[in-house]
């Protein structure tokens, strides 16, 4: 995840002065935000389904169509009680239980499965951990600083919510999405250029040297993300994401951010040593011995790269906690964050 962290740190440096002038006491919007995905009984997404939002008096306050991926959203919703009704040709209508939206709440509406019209079914809304985790990953994959730089490994959830544990499938999906994102690849190109200017590692100069440095940076990034973000978290049942705190004293938030590379949530929801992050950094540094020039190999290289990567990770989590949360855009987001 080194390339992603470098992009994020560059972004922070670019906006440090404007941010300092902002009024920290600007109130956040009190309106709520609701999203969901329309699927059929087999779990296939349904496009062009009509989604109605009605208040407690059955007055229609919103109407949207699901997109090609079955996704829908209602923005700037006043806090109140609502029900959602979904209709689609050849399917029976689906109506949610009563939903009470609080000021600033960001709600993921799951369980909206439509059944074929000729089948009489009593729909019970149930939220399995797998469904919730999939929805959370869909949200994470839209998170970008300034709407551009990937920020997929951060959980911005309500303090009263406990995010569902990721499955092995979603851990690998998130790692592959991050590794193959065009901005990640562009970041690798920038890092290779910086290394070329500094003459590290000890490859030749010219186009050939740049290509070798690009390949080495790409291998470093991919191995770091896959080992620390998918392979070890799956084997050790750990969550590779950073959980944004957002509240409390500055001291408690700094401690939370600095401890993240060394403490993580397990899939059981409990704090435990972050063997995935540490093991990912060590594993990536060790693999670099396979393709770095002979003069840049050895045990000393492994621990030097490990120390650099760990330091970058600690700085990155502090920046995440105090800066990037305000700059991270989501799907349909205008720059404001969901309620914490």
Protein backbone atom coordinates (compact mmCIF):
# COMPACT_ATOMS: atom_id res chain seq x y z
CA UNK A 1 0.00 0.00 0.00
CA UNK A 2 3.09 2.23 -0.20
CA UNK A 3 2.02 3.91 -3.47
CA UNK A 4 -1.37 4.81 -2.05
CA UNK A 5 0.23 6.31 1.06
CA UNK A 6 2.63 8.39 -1.08
CA UNK A 7 -0.30 9.78 -3.10
CA UNK A 8 -2.16 10.66 0.09
CA UNK A 9 0.85 12.41 1.61
CA UNK A 10 1.38 14.40 -1.61
CA UNK A 11 -2.27 15.44 -1.48
CA UNK A 12 -1.92 16.60 2.12
CA UNK A 13 1.18 18.65 1.29
CA UNK A 14 -0.69 20.32 -1.58
CA UNK A 15 -3.60 21.50 0.59
CA UNK A 16 -1.93 22.11 3.95
CA UNK A 17 -2.06 25.92 3.72
CA UNK A 18 -5.70 26.19 2.53
CA UNK A 19 -6.82 23.80 5.24
CA UNK A 20 -5.15 25.86 7.94
CA UNK A 21 -7.40 28.79 7.01
CA UNK A 22 -10.64 26.85 7.23
CA UNK A 23 -13.02 27.39 10.11
CA UNK A 24 -12.91 24.23 12.23
CA UNK A 25 -16.26 25.09 13.77
CA UNK A 26 -18.25 25.00 10.51
CA UNK A 27 -21.34 22.90 11.25
CA UNK A 28 -21.89 19.67 9.31
CA UNK A 29 -25.10 19.17 7.37
CA UNK A 30 -27.90 17.70 9.44
CA UNK A 31 -29.57 15.91 6.53
CA UNK A 32 -29.39 12.13 6.17
CA UNK A 33 -28.21 9.98 3.23
CA UNK A 34 -29.53 6.56 2.18
CA UNK A 35 -28.18 4.09 -0.37
CA UNK A 36 -28.94 0.50 -1.35
CA UNK A 37 -28.83 -2.12 -4.10
CA UNK A 38 -31.88 -3.75 -5.69
CA UNK A 39 -31.49 -7.47 -6.36
CA UNK A 40 -33.74 -10.39 -7.23
CA UNK A 41 -34.17 -13.60 -5.24
CA UNK A 42 -31.02 -15.05 -6.85
CA UNK A 43 -28.90 -12.08 -5.84
CA UNK A 44 -28.68 -10.61 -9.36
CA UNK A 45 -28.88 -6.82 -9.52
CA UNK A 46 -31.93 -5.17 -11.11
CA UNK A 47 -31.63 -1.98 -13.12
CA UNK A 48 -34.40 0.57 -13.75
CA UNK A 49 -36.37 -0.49 -10.67
CA UNK A 50 -38.48 2.34 -9.25
CA UNK A 51 -37.52 3.17 -5.67
CA UNK A 52 -39.99 5.31 -3.70
CA UNK A 53 -39.29 7.03 -0.37
CA UNK A 54 -42.42 7.83 1.65
CA UNK A 55 -42.77 9.53 5.01
CA UNK A 56 -44.95 8.37 7.92
CA UNK A 57 -48.00 9.97 6.26
CA UNK A 58 -47.38 7.95 3.08
CA UNK A 59 -46.40 11.14 1.26
CA UNK A 60 -43.85 10.55 -1.48
CA UNK A 61 -40.67 12.53 -0.76
CA UNK A 62 -38.32 10.89 -3.24
CA UNK A 63 -38.34 8.74 -6.38
CA UNK A 64 -35.27 7.32 -8.20
CA UNK A 65 -34.43 4.52 -10.63
CA UNK A 66 -31.76 1.92 -9.83
CA UNK A 67 -28.73 2.16 -12.13
CA UNK A 68 -27.12 -0.61 -14.23
CA UNK A 69 -25.64 -2.13 -11.04
CA UNK A 70 -28.93 -1.96 -9.11
CA UNK A 71 -27.58 0.97 -7.04
CA UNK A 72 -29.84 3.75 -5.77
CA UNK A 73 -29.47 6.64 -3.34
CA UNK A 74 -31.44 9.41 -1.65
CA UNK A 75 -29.43 12.50 -0.73
CA UNK A 76 -30.24 15.38 1.62
CA UNK A 77 -33.09 13.52 3.36
CA UNK A 78 -34.68 15.28 6.33
CA UNK A 79 -34.44 13.30 9.61
CA UNK A 80 -37.77 11.50 10.10
CA UNK A 81 -39.52 8.11 9.77
CA UNK A 82 -39.75 6.57 6.31
CA UNK A 83 -40.55 3.44 4.33
CA UNK A 84 -38.94 2.44 1.04
CA UNK A 85 -41.02 0.75 -1.68
CA UNK A 86 -39.38 -0.85 -4.71
CA UNK A 87 -41.27 -1.85 -7.86
CA UNK A 88 -40.09 -3.47 -11.08
CA UNK A 89 -41.83 -5.13 -14.05
CA UNK A 90 -42.56 -8.85 -13.50
CA UNK A 91 -41.64 -8.62 -9.83
CA UNK A 92 -43.73 -8.28 -6.69
CA UNK A 93 -43.41 -4.96 -4.90
CA UNK A 94 -41.08 -4.79 -1.89
CA UNK A 95 -41.60 -2.46 1.08
CA UNK A 96 -39.14 -1.97 3.91
CA UNK A 97 -39.96 -1.86 7.61
CA UNK A 98 -40.15 1.59 9.18
CA UNK A 99 -36.80 3.39 8.92
CA UNK A 100 -35.95 6.20 11.34
CA UNK A 101 -33.22 8.48 9.97
CA UNK A 102 -31.22 10.55 12.42
CA UNK A 103 -29.52 13.89 11.62
CA UNK A 104 -26.39 13.30 9.54
CA UNK A 105 -26.95 9.52 9.35
CA UNK A 106 -25.54 7.52 6.40
CA UNK A 107 -27.75 4.41 5.98
CA UNK A 108 -27.04 1.34 3.85
CA UNK A 109 -30.41 -0.30 3.07
CA UNK A 110 -29.83 -4.02 2.56
CA UNK A 111 -32.23 -6.91 2.05
CA UNK A 112 -34.21 -5.35 -0.81
CA UNK A 113 -34.75 -8.60 -2.72
CA UNK A 114 -37.58 -8.70 -5.26
CA UNK A 115 -39.43 -11.94 -6.02
CA UNK A 116 -41.30 -12.83 -9.20
CA UNK A 117 -44.85 -11.48 -9.20
CA UNK A 118 -46.67 -14.82 -9.43
CA UNK A 119 -45.11 -16.07 -6.22
CA UNK A 120 -46.83 -14.92 -3.04
CA UNK A 121 -44.09 -14.28 -0.54
CA UNK A 122 -43.87 -12.68 2.86
CA UNK A 123 -40.61 -10.75 2.77
CA UNK A 124 -38.56 -10.72 5.93
CA UNK A 125 -35.70 -8.23 5.88
CA UNK A 126 -32.57 -9.87 7.24
CA UNK A 127 -29.02 -8.62 7.06
CA UNK A 128 -26.34 -11.29 6.91
CA UNK A 129 -22.73 -10.34 7.74
CA UNK A 130 -21.73 -11.26 4.18
CA UNK A 131 -24.32 -8.85 2.70
CA UNK A 132 -23.25 -6.02 4.98
CA UNK A 133 -19.55 -6.63 4.25
CA UNK A 134 -20.21 -6.56 0.51
CA UNK A 135 -22.10 -3.28 0.80
CA UNK A 136 -19.28 -1.79 2.90
CA UNK A 137 -16.69 -2.77 0.28
CA UNK A 138 -18.83 -1.22 -2.47
CA UNK A 139 -18.83 2.02 -0.48
CA UNK A 140 -15.07 1.77 0.19
CA UNK A 141 -14.35 1.36 -3.52
CA UNK A 142 -15.87 4.80 -4.18
CA UNK A 143 -13.75 6.58 -1.56
CA UNK A 144 -11.22 8.92 -3.18
CA UNK A 145 -9.35 11.95 -1.88
CA UNK A 146 -10.44 14.94 -4.01
CA UNK A 147 -12.50 12.35 -5.89
CA UNK A 148 -9.28 11.02 -7.51
CA UNK A 149 -6.76 9.37 -5.15
CA UNK A 150 -7.86 5.89 -3.88
CA UNK A 151 -8.67 5.75 -0.17
CA UNK A 152 -10.25 2.30 -0.09
CA UNK A 153 -8.82 0.89 3.15
CA UNK A 154 -10.58 3.27 5.56
CA UNK A 155 -13.89 2.62 7.35
CA UNK A 156 -15.99 5.74 7.95
CA UNK A 157 -18.87 4.25 9.91
CA UNK A 158 -21.24 5.54 12.60
CA UNK A 159 -19.82 5.20 16.09
CA UNK A 160 -22.82 3.08 17.04
CA UNK A 161 -22.28 0.67 14.17
CA UNK A 162 -19.98 -2.34 14.20
CA UNK A 163 -18.78 -3.03 10.63
CA UNK A 164 -19.20 -6.61 9.50
CA UNK A 165 -15.99 -8.66 9.12
CA UNK A 166 -14.71 -8.97 5.58
CA UNK A 167 -14.82 -12.36 3.92
CA UNK A 168 -11.77 -13.81 2.18
CA UNK A 169 -13.41 -12.91 -1.14
CA UNK A 170 -13.93 -9.26 -0.18
CA UNK A 171 -10.39 -8.97 1.23
CA UNK A 172 -8.91 -10.09 -2.08
CA UNK A 173 -11.39 -7.97 -4.03
CA UNK A 174 -10.33 -4.84 -2.12
CA UNK A 175 -6.62 -5.65 -2.56
CA UNK A 176 -6.97 -6.23 -6.32
CA UNK A 177 -9.06 -3.08 -6.74
CA UNK A 178 -6.36 -1.03 -5.00
CA UNK A 179 -3.46 -2.68 -6.85
CA UNK A 180 -4.92 -2.26 -10.32
CA UNK A 181 -6.44 1.20 -9.92
CA UNK A 182 -5.13 3.58 -12.62
CA UNK A 183 -4.15 6.16 -10.02
CA UNK A 184 -2.14 3.53 -8.13
CA UNK A 185 -0.31 2.66 -11.36
CA UNK A 186 0.32 6.36 -12.05
CA UNK A 187 1.72 6.66 -8.52
CA UNK A 188 4.13 3.82 -9.27
CA UNK A 189 5.33 5.77 -12.30
CA UNK A 190 5.91 8.87 -10.17
CA UNK A 191 7.79 6.87 -7.53
CA UNK A 192 9.94 5.24 -10.23
CA UNK A 193 10.82 8.71 -11.55
CA UNK A 194 11.78 9.87 -8.05
CA UNK A 195 13.94 6.77 -7.59
CA UNK A 196 15.50 7.34 -11.03
CA UNK A 197 16.47 10.87 -10.01
CA UNK A 198 17.98 9.55 -6.78
CA UNK A 199 19.68 6.60 -8.42
CA UNK A 200 17.98 4.00 -6.19
CA UNK A 201 17.98 1.05 -6.39
CA UNK A 202 21.33 0.64 -8.18
CA UNK A 203 19.94 0.01 -11.66
CA UNK A 204 21.41 1.58 -14.78
CA UNK A 205 20.33 4.99 -16.06
CA UNK A 206 18.20 5.89 -19.06
CA UNK A 207 14.99 4.29 -20.24
CA UNK A 208 16.12 0.81 -19.25
CA UNK A 209 16.88 1.94 -15.72
CA UNK A 210 13.49 3.66 -15.42
CA UNK A 211 11.73 0.50 -16.64
CA UNK A 212 13.58 -1.59 -14.06
CA UNK A 213 12.73 0.87 -11.28
CA UNK A 214 9.10 0.96 -12.41
CA UNK A 215 8.96 -2.84 -12.29
CA UNK A 216 10.57 -2.92 -8.84
CA UNK A 217 8.17 -0.28 -7.48
CA UNK A 218 5.20 -2.15 -8.99
CA UNK A 219 6.36 -5.43 -7.41
CA UNK A 220 6.87 -3.70 -4.04
CA UNK A 221 3.39 -2.17 -4.13
CA UNK A 222 1.60 -5.32 -5.32
CA UNK A 223 3.31 -7.64 -2.81
CA UNK A 224 2.72 -5.21 0.07
CA UNK A 225 -0.99 -4.85 -0.73
CA UNK A 226 -1.63 -8.53 -1.44
CA UNK A 227 0.33 -9.95 1.51
CA UNK A 228 -0.66 -7.35 4.11
CA UNK A 229 -4.14 -6.61 2.78
CA UNK A 230 -5.45 -10.01 1.61
CA UNK A 231 -3.30 -13.12 2.15
CA UNK A 232 -2.31 -12.70 5.82
CA UNK A 233 -5.64 -11.10 6.87
CA UNK A 234 -7.44 -14.12 5.37
CA UNK A 235 -5.14 -16.67 7.02
CA UNK A 236 -5.05 -14.88 10.38
CA UNK A 237 -8.69 -13.72 10.34
CA UNK A 238 -7.77 -10.04 10.72
CA UNK A 239 -9.29 -6.88 9.25
CA UNK A 240 -6.77 -4.93 7.10
CA UNK A 241 -8.74 -1.66 7.15
CA UNK A 242 -8.14 1.51 9.19
CA UNK A 243 -11.14 2.39 11.38
CA UNK A 244 -11.57 6.16 11.46
CA UNK A 245 -12.19 7.42 15.00
CA UNK A 246 -13.16 11.03 14.34
CA UNK A 247 -14.22 11.86 17.91
CA UNK A 248 -12.60 12.18 21.33
CA UNK A 249 -9.58 14.15 22.46
CA UNK A 250 -6.69 14.91 20.14
CA UNK A 251 -4.45 12.73 22.30
CA UNK A 252 -6.78 9.72 22.03
CA UNK A 253 -7.09 10.13 18.26
CA UNK A 254 -3.30 10.41 17.82
CA UNK A 255 -2.81 7.26 19.90
CA UNK A 256 -5.50 5.46 17.90
CA UNK A 257 -3.81 6.40 14.60
CA UNK A 258 -0.24 5.60 15.67
CA UNK A 259 -1.22 2.24 17.13
CA UNK A 260 -3.11 1.11 14.00
CA UNK A 261 -0.03 -0.41 12.28
CA UNK A 262 0.52 -2.55 15.38
CA UNK A 263 -3.04 -3.23 16.61
CA UNK A 264 -5.98 -4.28 14.47
CA UNK A 265 -9.47 -5.70 14.71
CA UNK A 266 -9.82 -9.41 14.25
CA UNK A 267 -12.73 -10.85 12.31
CA UNK A 268 -14.21 -11.55 15.75
CA UNK A 269 -14.28 -7.79 16.44
CA UNK A 270 -11.58 -7.88 19.12
CA UNK A 271 -8.30 -5.96 19.15
CA UNK A 272 -5.18 -8.05 18.53
CA UNK A 273 -1.57 -7.62 17.38
CA UNK A 274 -1.52 -6.54 13.73
CA UNK A 275 0.50 -9.47 12.40
CA UNK A 276 -0.96 -8.87 8.93
CA UNK A 277 0.43 -5.35 8.57
CA UNK A 278 3.82 -6.18 10.09
CA UNK A 279 4.05 -9.46 8.18
CA UNK A 280 3.03 -7.77 4.92
CA UNK A 281 5.78 -5.15 5.24
CA UNK A 282 8.39 -7.77 6.15
CA UNK A 283 7.25 -10.15 3.41
CA UNK A 284 7.30 -7.45 0.75
CA UNK A 285 10.77 -6.31 1.84
CA UNK A 286 12.05 -9.90 1.75
CA UNK A 287 10.65 -10.53 -1.74
CA UNK A 288 12.53 -7.48 -3.03
CA UNK A 289 15.74 -9.54 -2.67
CA UNK A 290 14.56 -11.53 -5.69
CA UNK A 291 14.61 -8.59 -8.12
CA UNK A 292 16.71 -5.79 -6.61
CA UNK A 293 20.33 -5.42 -7.86
CA UNK A 294 22.88 -7.49 -5.87
CA UNK A 295 24.21 -4.32 -4.22
CA UNK A 296 20.77 -3.62 -2.75
CA UNK A 297 20.04 -7.08 -1.35
CA UNK A 298 20.56 -8.63 2.05
CA UNK A 299 19.13 -8.69 5.56
CA UNK A 300 19.99 -5.03 6.14
CA UNK A 301 17.86 -4.08 3.13
CA UNK A 302 14.89 -6.04 4.46
CA UNK A 303 14.87 -4.29 7.83
CA UNK A 304 15.66 -0.87 6.33
CA UNK A 305 12.70 -1.12 3.94
CA UNK A 306 10.54 -2.50 6.72
CA UNK A 307 11.39 0.47 8.97
CA UNK A 308 10.70 2.98 6.18
CA UNK A 309 7.37 1.37 5.30
CA UNK A 310 6.27 1.19 8.95
CA UNK A 311 7.15 4.87 9.44
CA UNK A 312 5.18 5.78 6.32
CA UNK A 313 2.22 3.77 7.60
CA UNK A 314 2.23 5.56 11.00
CA UNK A 315 2.35 8.97 9.32
CA UNK A 316 -0.37 7.91 6.89
CA UNK A 317 -2.79 6.88 9.65
CA UNK A 318 -2.31 10.19 11.49
CA UNK A 319 -3.03 12.04 8.24
CA UNK A 320 -6.08 9.82 7.70
CA UNK A 321 -7.42 10.65 11.14
CA UNK A 322 -7.02 14.42 11.03
CA UNK A 323 -7.01 15.48 7.37
CA UNK A 324 -8.11 13.01 4.72
CA UNK A 325 -11.50 12.25 6.24
CA UNK A 326 -12.61 15.75 5.28
CA UNK A 327 -11.31 15.37 1.73
CA UNK A 328 -12.54 11.89 0.88
CA UNK A 329 -15.45 11.78 -1.55
CA UNK A 330 -17.87 8.87 -1.90
CA UNK A 331 -20.33 7.93 -4.60
CA UNK A 332 -22.89 10.75 -4.85
CA UNK A 333 -20.93 12.73 -2.25
CA UNK A 334 -20.31 16.48 -2.55
CA UNK A 335 -17.37 16.44 -0.17
CA UNK A 336 -19.19 16.03 3.13
CA UNK A 337 -18.63 12.93 5.20
CA UNK A 338 -21.32 10.57 6.46
CA UNK A 339 -22.16 10.92 10.11
CA UNK A 340 -19.59 9.38 12.45
